[in-house]
Amino acid sequence: MSDAPAPEEKLSYRLITGPDDRAFCERISAALAEGYVLHGSPSATFNGTGVIVAQALILPAAIASADAAVATAVEDLDFDGEGHA
């Protein structure tokens, strides 16, 4: 058995923020190259000196896995036949 730490799993969701510059675009490009996809529209604000931007990204495989787990859990529920609102 190895004492080496397990590689960190990629997060299913990431929000990348920073100044609206080349470095921010490079961070987004790197995440896209890792398999993330854009989620929603980017946001921008002015902090008094510069524009700060944010972009959410999701990892489709992780989201699909979570969705499948929820679907399985719902199928396993024991309904009594009565609808509840």
PDB file of N, CA and C in Angstrom:
ATOM      1  N   MET A   1       0.845  -1.181   0.000  1.00  0.00           N
ATOM      2  CA  MET A   1       0.000   0.000   0.000  1.00  0.00           C
ATOM      3  C   MET A   1       0.887   1.240   0.000  1.00  0.00           C
ATOM      4  N   SER A   2       0.555   2.202  -0.824  1.00  0.00           N
ATOM      5  CA  SER A   2       1.362   3.404  -0.962  1.00  0.00           C
ATOM      6  C   SER A   2       0.917   4.470   0.022  1.00  0.00           C
ATOM      7  N   ASP A   3       1.889   5.242   0.520  1.00  0.00           N
ATOM      8  CA  ASP A   3       1.581   6.372   1.402  1.00  0.00           C
ATOM      9  C   ASP A   3       1.372   7.655   0.621  1.00  0.00           C
ATOM     10  N   ALA A   4       1.507   7.566  -0.699  1.00  0.00           N
ATOM     11  CA  ALA A   4       1.335   8.755  -1.536  1.00  0.00           C
ATOM     12  C   ALA A   4      -0.120   9.207  -1.491  1.00  0.00           C
ATOM     13  N   PRO A   5      -0.339  10.520  -1.406  1.00  0.00           N
ATOM     14  CA  PRO A   5      -1.725  11.003  -1.380  1.00  0.00           C
ATOM     15  C   PRO A   5      -2.410  10.733  -2.715  1.00  0.00           C
ATOM     16  N   ALA A   6      -3.706  10.434  -2.638  1.00  0.00           N
ATOM     17  CA  ALA A   6      -4.496  10.221  -3.854  1.00  0.00           C
ATOM     18  C   ALA A   6      -4.617  11.550  -4.588  1.00  0.00           C
ATOM     19  N   PRO A   7      -4.586  11.518  -5.906  1.00  0.00           N
ATOM     20  CA  PRO A   7      -4.758  12.777  -6.632  1.00  0.00           C
ATOM     21  C   PRO A   7      -6.120  13.378  -6.314  1.00  0.00           C
ATOM     22  N   GLU A   8      -6.153  14.696  -6.192  1.00  0.00           N
ATOM     23  CA  GLU A   8      -7.416  15.363  -5.880  1.00  0.00           C
ATOM     24  C   GLU A   8      -8.401  15.187  -7.022  1.00  0.00           C
ATOM     25  N   GLU A   9      -9.643  14.912  -6.654  1.00  0.00           N
ATOM     26  CA  GLU A   9     -10.690  14.834  -7.664  1.00  0.00           C
ATOM     27  C   GLU A   9     -11.012  16.252  -8.126  1.00  0.00           C
ATOM     28  N   LYS A  10     -11.366  16.356  -9.381  1.00  0.00           N
ATOM     29  CA  LYS A  10     -11.784  17.655  -9.889  1.00  0.00           C
ATOM     30  C   LYS A  10     -13.116  18.017  -9.255  1.00  0.00           C
ATOM     31  N   LEU A  11     -13.286  19.274  -8.960  1.00  0.00           N
ATOM     32  CA  LEU A  11     -14.555  19.760  -8.443  1.00  0.00           C
ATOM     33  C   LEU A  11     -15.598  19.737  -9.555  1.00  0.00           C
ATOM     34  N   SER A  12     -16.837  19.439  -9.216  1.00  0.00           N
ATOM     35  CA  SER A  12     -17.923  19.425 -10.195  1.00  0.00           C
ATOM     36  C   SER A  12     -18.261  20.832 -10.661  1.00  0.00           C
ATOM     37  N   TYR A  13     -18.034  21.809  -9.792  1.00  0.00           N
ATOM     38  CA  TYR A  13     -18.402  23.198 -10.065  1.00  0.00           C
ATOM     39  C   TYR A  13     -17.251  24.097  -9.658  1.00  0.00           C
ATOM     40  N   ARG A  14     -16.967  25.055 -10.483  1.00  0.00           N
ATOM     41  CA  ARG A  14     -15.943  26.052 -10.159  1.00  0.00           C
ATOM     42  C   ARG A  14     -16.452  27.426 -10.547  1.00  0.00           C
ATOM     43  N   LEU A  15     -16.099  28.428  -9.762  1.00  0.00           N
ATOM     44  CA  LEU A  15     -16.372  29.817 -10.100  1.00  0.00           C
ATOM     45  C   LEU A  15     -15.027  30.517 -10.138  1.00  0.00           C
ATOM     46  N   ILE A  16     -14.646  30.950 -11.312  1.00  0.00           N
ATOM     47  CA  ILE A  16     -13.367  31.621 -11.475  1.00  0.00           C
ATOM     48  C   ILE A  16     -13.635  33.119 -11.542  1.00  0.00           C
ATOM     49  N   THR A  17     -12.881  33.872 -10.734  1.00  0.00           N
ATOM     50  CA  THR A  17     -13.040  35.321 -10.689  1.00  0.00           C
ATOM     51  C   THR A  17     -11.683  35.984 -10.839  1.00  0.00           C
ATOM     52  N   GLY A  18     -11.709  37.231 -11.227  1.00  0.00           N
ATOM     53  CA  GLY A  18     -10.464  37.984 -11.303  1.00  0.00           C
ATOM     54  C   GLY A  18     -10.605  39.195 -12.193  1.00  0.00           C
ATOM     55  N   PRO A  19      -9.517  39.964 -12.293  1.00  0.00           N
ATOM     56  CA  PRO A  19      -9.533  41.118 -13.192  1.00  0.00           C
ATOM     57  C   PRO A  19      -9.770  40.668 -14.631  1.00  0.00           C
ATOM     58  N   ASP A  20     -10.431  41.518 -15.397  1.00  0.00           N
ATOM     59  CA  ASP A  20     -10.715  41.207 -16.801  1.00  0.00           C
ATOM     60  C   ASP A  20      -9.444  41.432 -17.614  1.00  0.00           C
ATOM     61  N   ASP A  21      -8.589  40.396 -17.627  1.00  0.00           N
ATOM     62  CA  ASP A  21      -7.322  40.507 -18.345  1.00  0.00           C
ATOM     63  C   ASP A  21      -6.956  39.169 -18.987  1.00  0.00           C
ATOM     64  N   ARG A  22      -5.827  39.129 -19.618  1.00  0.00           N
ATOM     65  CA  ARG A  22      -5.375  37.921 -20.299  1.00  0.00           C
ATOM     66  C   ARG A  22      -5.242  36.736 -19.333  1.00  0.00           C
ATOM     67  N   ALA A  23      -4.750  36.986 -18.126  1.00  0.00           N
ATOM     68  CA  ALA A  23      -4.565  35.908 -17.145  1.00  0.00           C
ATOM     69  C   ALA A  23      -5.901  35.242 -16.819  1.00  0.00           C
ATOM     70  N   PHE A  24      -6.967  36.038 -16.690  1.00  0.00           N
ATOM     71  CA  PHE A  24      -8.290  35.468 -16.425  1.00  0.00           C
ATOM     72  C   PHE A  24      -8.703  34.582 -17.598  1.00  0.00           C
ATOM     73  N   CYS A  25      -8.535  35.065 -18.808  1.00  0.00           N
ATOM     74  CA  CYS A  25      -8.903  34.289 -19.996  1.00  0.00           C
ATOM     75  C   CYS A  25      -8.071  33.002 -20.081  1.00  0.00           C
ATOM     76  N   GLU A  26      -6.811  33.063 -19.695  1.00  0.00           N
ATOM     77  CA  GLU A  26      -5.971  31.867 -19.692  1.00  0.00           C
ATOM     78  C   GLU A  26      -6.469  30.849 -18.668  1.00  0.00           C
ATOM     79  N   ARG A  27      -6.932  31.313 -17.509  1.00  0.00           N
ATOM     80  CA  ARG A  27      -7.476  30.404 -16.488  1.00  0.00           C
ATOM     81  C   ARG A  27      -8.741  29.712 -16.994  1.00  0.00           C
ATOM     82  N   ILE A  28      -9.601  30.484 -17.668  1.00  0.00           N
ATOM     83  CA  ILE A  28     -10.817  29.891 -18.232  1.00  0.00           C
ATOM     84  C   ILE A  28     -10.444  28.890 -19.324  1.00  0.00           C
ATOM     85  N   SER A  29      -9.517  29.260 -20.191  1.00  0.00           N
ATOM     86  CA  SER A  29      -9.082  28.369 -21.271  1.00  0.00           C
ATOM     87  C   SER A  29      -8.495  27.073 -20.716  1.00  0.00           C
ATOM     88  N   ALA A  30      -7.718  27.168 -19.643  1.00  0.00           N
ATOM     89  CA  ALA A  30      -7.130  25.972 -19.024  1.00  0.00           C
ATOM     90  C   ALA A  30      -8.222  25.064 -18.473  1.00  0.00           C
ATOM     91  N   ALA A  31      -9.230  25.645 -17.827  1.00  0.00           N
ATOM     92  CA  ALA A  31     -10.338  24.847 -17.287  1.00  0.00           C
ATOM     93  C   ALA A  31     -11.107  24.161 -18.415  1.00  0.00           C
ATOM     94  N   LEU A  32     -11.323  24.868 -19.520  1.00  0.00           N
ATOM     95  CA  LEU A  32     -12.006  24.259 -20.659  1.00  0.00           C
ATOM     96  C   LEU A  32     -11.191  23.094 -21.212  1.00  0.00           C
ATOM     97  N   ALA A  33      -9.877  23.232 -21.236  1.00  0.00           N
ATOM     98  CA  ALA A  33      -9.003  22.161 -21.718  1.00  0.00           C
ATOM     99  C   ALA A  33      -9.041  20.952 -20.782  1.00  0.00           C
ATOM    100  N   GLU A  34      -9.367  21.177 -19.501  1.00  0.00           N
ATOM    101  CA  GLU A  34      -9.479  20.089 -18.519  1.00  0.00           C
ATOM    102  C   GLU A  34     -10.819  19.376 -18.594  1.00  0.00           C
ATOM    103  N   GLY A  35     -11.731  19.849 -19.447  1.00  0.00           N
ATOM    104  CA  GLY A  35     -13.025  19.192 -19.602  1.00  0.00           C
ATOM    105  C   GLY A  35     -14.205  19.948 -19.028  1.00  0.00           C
ATOM    106  N   TYR A  36     -13.952  21.090 -18.400  1.00  0.00           N
ATOM    107  CA  TYR A  36     -15.055  21.895 -17.883  1.00  0.00           C
ATOM    108  C   TYR A  36     -15.776  22.574 -19.038  1.00  0.00           C
ATOM    109  N   VAL A  37     -17.053  22.916 -18.818  1.00  0.00           N
ATOM    110  CA  VAL A  37     -17.821  23.692 -19.780  1.00  0.00           C
ATOM    111  C   VAL A  37     -18.379  24.920 -19.064  1.00  0.00           C
ATOM    112  N   LEU A  38     -18.589  25.980 -19.841  1.00  0.00           N
ATOM    113  CA  LEU A  38     -19.143  27.201 -19.270  1.00  0.00           C
ATOM    114  C   LEU A  38     -20.549  26.927 -18.751  1.00  0.00           C
ATOM    115  N   HIS A  39     -20.888  27.540 -17.623  1.00  0.00           N
ATOM    116  CA  HIS A  39     -22.216  27.371 -17.033  1.00  0.00           C
ATOM    117  C   HIS A  39     -22.783  28.758 -16.777  1.00  0.00           C
ATOM    118  N   GLY A  40     -23.759  29.125 -17.570  1.00  0.00           N
ATOM    119  CA  GLY A  40     -24.357  30.445 -17.426  1.00  0.00           C
ATOM    120  C   GLY A  40     -23.510  31.524 -18.067  1.00  0.00           C
ATOM    121  N   SER A  41     -23.989  32.731 -17.930  1.00  0.00           N
ATOM    122  CA  SER A  41     -23.309  33.882 -18.511  1.00  0.00           C
ATOM    123  C   SER A  41     -22.230  34.396 -17.568  1.00  0.00           C
ATOM    124  N   PRO A  42     -21.209  35.036 -18.122  1.00  0.00           N
ATOM    125  CA  PRO A  42     -20.208  35.653 -17.249  1.00  0.00           C
ATOM    126  C   PRO A  42     -20.818  36.866 -16.547  1.00  0.00           C
ATOM    127  N   SER A  43     -20.219  37.237 -15.440  1.00  0.00           N
ATOM    128  CA  SER A  43     -20.638  38.429 -14.707  1.00  0.00           C
ATOM    129  C   SER A  43     -19.472  39.398 -14.662  1.00  0.00           C
ATOM    130  N   ALA A  44     -19.786  40.673 -14.584  1.00  0.00           N
ATOM    131  CA  ALA A  44     -18.746  41.691 -14.495  1.00  0.00           C
ATOM    132  C   ALA A  44     -19.208  42.785 -13.545  1.00  0.00           C
ATOM    133  N   THR A  45     -18.249  43.340 -12.836  1.00  0.00           N
ATOM    134  CA  THR A  45     -18.529  44.460 -11.948  1.00  0.00           C
ATOM    135  C   THR A  45     -17.322  45.379 -11.939  1.00  0.00           C
ATOM    136  N   PHE A  46     -17.518  46.583 -11.475  1.00  0.00           N
ATOM    137  CA  PHE A  46     -16.431  47.553 -11.368  1.00  0.00           C
ATOM    138  C   PHE A  46     -16.171  47.784  -9.892  1.00  0.00           C
ATOM    139  N   ASN A  47     -14.929  47.595  -9.468  1.00  0.00           N
ATOM    140  CA  ASN A  47     -14.605  47.727  -8.046  1.00  0.00           C
ATOM    141  C   ASN A  47     -14.040  49.098  -7.683  1.00  0.00           C
ATOM    142  N   GLY A  48     -14.176  50.063  -8.554  1.00  0.00           N
ATOM    143  CA  GLY A  48     -13.663  51.399  -8.296  1.00  0.00           C
ATOM    144  C   GLY A  48     -12.363  51.679  -9.024  1.00  0.00           C
ATOM    145  N   THR A  49     -11.651  50.614  -9.388  1.00  0.00           N
ATOM    146  CA  THR A  49     -10.399  50.800 -10.122  1.00  0.00           C
ATOM    147  C   THR A  49     -10.320  49.964 -11.390  1.00  0.00           C
ATOM    148  N   GLY A  50     -11.022  48.847 -11.418  1.00  0.00           N
ATOM    149  CA  GLY A  50     -10.964  47.977 -12.589  1.00  0.00           C
ATOM    150  C   GLY A  50     -12.173  47.067 -12.671  1.00  0.00           C
ATOM    151  N   VAL A  51     -12.312  46.413 -13.806  1.00  0.00           N
ATOM    152  CA  VAL A  51     -13.419  45.486 -14.026  1.00  0.00           C
ATOM    153  C   VAL A  51     -13.021  44.111 -13.477  1.00  0.00           C
ATOM    154  N   ILE A  52     -13.891  43.527 -12.666  1.00  0.00           N
ATOM    155  CA  ILE A  52     -13.715  42.190 -12.115  1.00  0.00           C
ATOM    156  C   ILE A  52     -14.759  41.297 -12.772  1.00  0.00           C
ATOM    157  N   VAL A  53     -14.320  40.152 -13.273  1.00  0.00           N
ATOM    158  CA  VAL A  53     -15.227  39.243 -13.971  1.00  0.00           C
ATOM    159  C   VAL A  53     -15.305  37.909 -13.245  1.00  0.00           C
ATOM    160  N   ALA A  54     -16.376  37.179 -13.523  1.00  0.00           N
ATOM    161  CA  ALA A  54     -16.590  35.856 -12.927  1.00  0.00           C
ATOM    162  C   ALA A  54     -17.236  34.967 -13.975  1.00  0.00           C
ATOM    163  N   GLN A  55     -16.833  33.697 -13.975  1.00  0.00           N
ATOM    164  CA  GLN A  55     -17.440  32.717 -14.880  1.00  0.00           C
ATOM    165  C   GLN A  55     -17.562  31.395 -14.139  1.00  0.00           C
ATOM    166  N   ALA A  56     -18.772  30.841 -14.133  1.00  0.00           N
ATOM    167  CA  ALA A  56     -18.998  29.522 -13.552  1.00  0.00           C
ATOM    168  C   ALA A  56     -18.688  28.465 -14.599  1.00  0.00           C
ATOM    169  N   LEU A  57     -18.132  27.345 -14.131  1.00  0.00           N
ATOM    170  CA  LEU A  57     -17.828  26.208 -15.000  1.00  0.00           C
ATOM    171  C   LEU A  57     -18.277  24.939 -14.296  1.00  0.00           C
ATOM    172  N   ILE A  58     -18.733  23.964 -15.071  1.00  0.00           N
ATOM    173  CA  ILE A  58     -19.107  22.672 -14.510  1.00  0.00           C
ATOM    174  C   ILE A  58     -18.387  21.570 -15.264  1.00  0.00           C
ATOM    175  N   LEU A  59     -18.218  20.457 -14.573  1.00  0.00           N
ATOM    176  CA  LEU A  59     -17.617  19.270 -15.161  1.00  0.00           C
ATOM    177  C   LEU A  59     -18.768  18.333 -15.518  1.00  0.00           C
ATOM    178  N   PRO A  60     -19.129  18.207 -16.795  1.00  0.00           N
ATOM    179  CA  PRO A  60     -20.322  17.459 -17.199  1.00  0.00           C
ATOM    180  C   PRO A  60     -20.372  16.031 -16.658  1.00  0.00           C
ATOM    181  N   ALA A  61     -19.272  15.313 -16.643  1.00  0.00           N
ATOM    182  CA  ALA A  61     -19.286  13.920 -16.178  1.00  0.00           C
ATOM    183  C   ALA A  61     -19.675  13.840 -14.705  1.00  0.00           C
ATOM    184  N   ALA A  62     -19.179  14.752 -13.902  1.00  0.00           N
ATOM    185  CA  ALA A  62     -19.507  14.742 -12.474  1.00  0.00           C
ATOM    186  C   ALA A  62     -20.970  15.092 -12.250  1.00  0.00           C
ATOM    187  N   ILE A  63     -21.475  16.039 -13.009  1.00  0.00           N
ATOM    188  CA  ILE A  63     -22.881  16.431 -12.880  1.00  0.00           C
ATOM    189  C   ILE A  63     -23.779  15.278 -13.312  1.00  0.00           C
ATOM    190  N   ALA A  64     -23.440  14.618 -14.416  1.00  0.00           N
ATOM    191  CA  ALA A  64     -24.236  13.485 -14.898  1.00  0.00           C
ATOM    192  C   ALA A  64     -24.252  12.365 -13.872  1.00  0.00           C
ATOM    193  N   SER A  65     -23.124  12.117 -13.233  1.00  0.00           N
ATOM    194  CA  SER A  65     -23.037  11.077 -12.203  1.00  0.00           C
ATOM    195  C   SER A  65     -23.937  11.419 -11.017  1.00  0.00           C
ATOM    196  N   ALA A  66     -23.921  12.673 -10.601  1.00  0.00           N
ATOM    197  CA  ALA A  66     -24.767  13.105  -9.487  1.00  0.00           C
ATOM    198  C   ALA A  66     -26.242  13.014  -9.867  1.00  0.00           C
ATOM    199  N   ASP A  67     -26.577  13.414 -11.089  1.00  0.00           N
ATOM    200  CA  ASP A  67     -27.961  13.317 -11.551  1.00  0.00           C
ATOM    201  C   ASP A  67     -28.437  11.865 -11.559  1.00  0.00           C
ATOM    202  N   ALA A  68     -27.579  10.949 -11.986  1.00  0.00           N
ATOM    203  CA  ALA A  68     -27.940   9.533 -12.018  1.00  0.00           C
ATOM    204  C   ALA A  68     -28.169   9.007 -10.600  1.00  0.00           C
ATOM    205  N   ALA A  69     -27.358   9.451  -9.655  1.00  0.00           N
ATOM    206  CA  ALA A  69     -27.523   9.017  -8.266  1.00  0.00           C
ATOM    207  C   ALA A  69     -28.852   9.513  -7.703  1.00  0.00           C
ATOM    208  N   VAL A  70     -29.221  10.738  -8.018  1.00  0.00           N
ATOM    209  CA  VAL A  70     -30.504  11.278  -7.553  1.00  0.00           C
ATOM    210  C   VAL A  70     -31.652  10.506  -8.185  1.00  0.00           C
ATOM    211  N   ALA A  71     -31.563  10.232  -9.488  1.00  0.00           N
ATOM    212  CA  ALA A  71     -32.620   9.493 -10.171  1.00  0.00           C
ATOM    213  C   ALA A  71     -32.799   8.106  -9.556  1.00  0.00           C
ATOM    214  N   THR A  72     -31.696   7.457  -9.231  1.00  0.00           N
ATOM    215  CA  THR A  72     -31.770   6.132  -8.609  1.00  0.00           C
ATOM    216  C   THR A  72     -32.414   6.222  -7.229  1.00  0.00           C
ATOM    217  N   ALA A  73     -32.049   7.234  -6.463  1.00  0.00           N
ATOM    218  CA  ALA A  73     -32.624   7.402  -5.124  1.00  0.00           C
ATOM    219  C   ALA A  73     -34.124   7.651  -5.210  1.00  0.00           C
ATOM    220  N   VAL A  74     -34.565   8.438  -6.185  1.00  0.00           N
ATOM    221  CA  VAL A  74     -35.992   8.713  -6.356  1.00  0.00           C
ATOM    222  C   VAL A  74     -36.728   7.434  -6.737  1.00  0.00           C
ATOM    223  N   GLU A  75     -36.141   6.640  -7.623  1.00  0.00           N
ATOM    224  CA  GLU A  75     -36.769   5.377  -8.021  1.00  0.00           C
ATOM    225  C   GLU A  75     -36.896   4.417  -6.840  1.00  0.00           C
ATOM    226  N   ASP A  76     -35.962   4.493  -5.898  1.00  0.00           N
ATOM    227  CA  ASP A  76     -35.955   3.589  -4.750  1.00  0.00           C
ATOM    228  C   ASP A  76     -36.923   4.018  -3.646  1.00  0.00           C
ATOM    229  N   LEU A  77     -37.486   5.220  -3.743  1.00  0.00           N
ATOM    230  CA  LEU A  77     -38.421   5.677  -2.722  1.00  0.00           C
ATOM    231  C   LEU A  77     -39.663   4.795  -2.727  1.00  0.00           C
ATOM    232  N   ASP A  78     -40.207   4.563  -1.567  1.00  0.00           N
ATOM    233  CA  ASP A  78     -41.403   3.738  -1.436  1.00  0.00           C
ATOM    234  C   ASP A  78     -42.609   4.660  -1.304  1.00  0.00           C
ATOM    235  N   PHE A  79     -43.333   4.859  -2.409  1.00  0.00           N
ATOM    236  CA  PHE A  79     -44.492   5.742  -2.398  1.00  0.00           C
ATOM    237  C   PHE A  79     -45.722   4.977  -1.911  1.00  0.00           C
ATOM    238  N   ASP A  80     -46.586   5.691  -1.201  1.00  0.00           N
ATOM    239  CA  ASP A  80     -47.814   5.063  -0.701  1.00  0.00           C
ATOM    240  C   ASP A  80     -48.980   5.250  -1.658  1.00  0.00           C
ATOM    241  N   GLY A  81     -48.704   5.803  -2.826  1.00  0.00           N
ATOM    242  CA  GLY A  81     -49.766   5.968  -3.812  1.00  0.00           C
ATOM    243  C   GLY A  81     -50.507   7.269  -3.714  1.00  0.00           C
ATOM    244  N   GLU A  82     -50.274   8.038  -2.643  1.00  0.00           N
ATOM    245  CA  GLU A  82     -50.955   9.333  -2.490  1.00  0.00           C
ATOM    246  C   GLU A  82     -50.005  10.445  -2.901  1.00  0.00           C
ATOM    247  N   GLY A  83     -50.535  11.388  -3.645  1.00  0.00           N
ATOM    248  CA  GLY A  83     -49.712  12.544  -4.039  1.00  0.00           C
ATOM    249  C   GLY A  83     -49.643  13.556  -2.925  1.00  0.00           C
ATOM    250  N   HIS A  84     -48.514  14.137  -2.750  1.00  0.00           N
ATOM    251  CA  HIS A  84     -48.329  15.195  -1.757  1.00  0.00           C
ATOM    252  C   HIS A  84     -47.744  16.397  -2.445  1.00  0.00           C
ATOM    253  N   ALA A  85     -48.285  17.568  -2.142  1.00  0.00           N
ATOM    254  CA  ALA A  85     -47.790  18.808  -2.765  1.00  0.00           C
ATOM    255  C   ALA A  85     -46.763  19.452  -1.885  1.00  0.00           C
TER     256      ALA A  85
END
